[in-house]
Protein backbone atom coordinates (compact mmCIF):
# COMPACT_ATOMS: atom_id res chain seq x y z
CA UNK A 1 -49.37 52.70 -89.45
CA UNK A 2 -47.83 49.37 -90.47
CA UNK A 3 -44.69 47.77 -88.61
CA UNK A 4 -41.19 48.55 -90.20
CA UNK A 5 -38.39 46.17 -91.09
CA UNK A 6 -35.10 47.21 -89.52
CA UNK A 7 -31.76 45.78 -90.14
CA UNK A 8 -28.11 46.66 -90.12
CA UNK A 9 -26.33 47.47 -93.36
CA UNK A 10 -23.36 48.98 -95.16
CA UNK A 11 -23.94 51.54 -97.85
CA UNK A 12 -21.52 52.02 -100.65
CA UNK A 13 -21.63 54.93 -103.17
CA UNK A 14 -20.98 53.43 -106.59
CA UNK A 15 -21.08 56.49 -108.66
CA UNK A 16 -21.63 60.32 -108.33
CA UNK A 17 -24.11 61.14 -111.20
CA UNK A 18 -24.30 64.92 -110.93
CA UNK A 19 -21.08 66.33 -109.39
CA UNK A 20 -18.33 65.07 -111.40
CA UNK A 21 -16.64 63.66 -108.31
CA UNK A 22 -16.68 66.99 -106.45
CA UNK A 23 -19.69 66.51 -104.15
CA UNK A 24 -20.06 69.83 -102.06
CA UNK A 25 -20.24 67.63 -99.10
CA UNK A 26 -17.32 65.49 -99.87
CA UNK A 27 -19.64 62.47 -100.22
CA UNK A 28 -17.88 61.09 -103.47
CA UNK A 29 -17.56 57.65 -105.38
CA UNK A 30 -16.47 54.98 -102.78
CA UNK A 31 -18.02 56.63 -99.64
CA UNK A 32 -19.18 54.09 -97.12
CA UNK A 33 -21.81 54.43 -94.31
CA UNK A 34 -22.88 51.68 -91.81
CA UNK A 35 -25.74 51.64 -89.39
CA UNK A 36 -29.38 50.69 -88.92
CA UNK A 37 -31.60 51.21 -91.89
CA UNK A 38 -35.14 50.65 -93.27
CA UNK A 39 -33.80 50.34 -96.66
CA UNK A 40 -34.36 52.32 -99.84
CA UNK A 41 -38.01 53.55 -100.60
CA UNK A 42 -38.78 55.16 -103.84
CA UNK A 43 -39.62 59.03 -102.87
CA UNK A 44 -37.79 59.12 -99.63
CA UNK A 45 -34.21 59.51 -98.35
CA UNK A 46 -32.60 56.31 -97.52
CA UNK A 47 -30.93 56.39 -94.08
CA UNK A 48 -28.16 54.11 -92.94
CA UNK A 49 -26.86 55.07 -89.56
CA UNK A 50 -26.45 58.92 -89.47
CA UNK A 51 -25.80 59.15 -93.19
CA UNK A 52 -28.91 60.05 -95.66
CA UNK A 53 -28.99 59.83 -99.25
CA UNK A 54 -30.89 62.28 -101.50
CA UNK A 55 -34.32 61.21 -102.55
CA UNK A 56 -34.33 57.63 -103.76
CA UNK A 57 -35.54 57.67 -107.64
CA UNK A 58 -35.06 54.17 -108.75
CA UNK A 59 -34.79 50.71 -107.10
CA UNK A 60 -32.53 48.88 -109.70
CA UNK A 61 -32.41 45.42 -107.93
CA UNK A 62 -32.20 44.13 -104.23
CA UNK A 63 -28.98 45.70 -103.50
CA UNK A 64 -28.65 48.57 -105.89
CA UNK A 65 -30.61 51.98 -106.22
CA UNK A 66 -30.41 55.37 -107.67
CA UNK A 67 -30.78 58.68 -105.73
CA UNK A 68 -31.35 62.16 -107.14
CA UNK A 69 -27.54 62.70 -107.51
CA UNK A 70 -26.02 59.08 -106.96
CA UNK A 71 -26.06 55.27 -107.37
CA UNK A 72 -25.63 53.11 -104.16
CA UNK A 73 -25.16 49.36 -103.34
CA UNK A 74 -26.57 48.42 -99.96
CA UNK A 75 -25.43 45.26 -98.22
CA UNK A 76 -27.46 43.91 -95.45
CA UNK A 77 -25.50 42.37 -92.62
CA UNK A 78 -28.34 40.92 -90.71
CA UNK A 79 -31.97 39.58 -90.97
CA UNK A 80 -34.60 42.07 -90.64
CA UNK A 81 -36.35 42.85 -87.33
CA UNK A 82 -39.81 43.88 -87.13
CA UNK A 83 -40.64 46.82 -85.25
CA UNK A 84 -44.03 47.98 -84.14
CA UNK A 85 -45.01 51.57 -84.91
CA UNK A 86 -44.88 54.18 -82.01
CA UNK A 87 -48.12 54.53 -80.13
CA UNK A 88 -47.40 58.19 -80.03
CA UNK A 89 -47.33 58.63 -83.79
CA UNK A 90 -43.78 59.65 -83.50
CA UNK A 91 -41.19 58.31 -86.01
CA UNK A 92 -38.84 55.59 -84.30
CA UNK A 93 -35.14 56.24 -84.80
């Protein structure tokens, strides 16, 4: 396992690309989340604090990405911190 880069960020939903502004969980355009993140990775959910996106499908640029249903901007608020992988094999939270 390789070390992860963790940083604090703010996530902003730029557009709802699937539900016409009526997301079933109320996560509509303009929704914001803040917290610790590893950032978006294609093929995985992007977690920011306790919020998670649907599967990331495309990284548009360093601060914008698309998920299965939405487009997001991520604004990093601190420099990355490298954490070593867990010796037990469990995912760090």
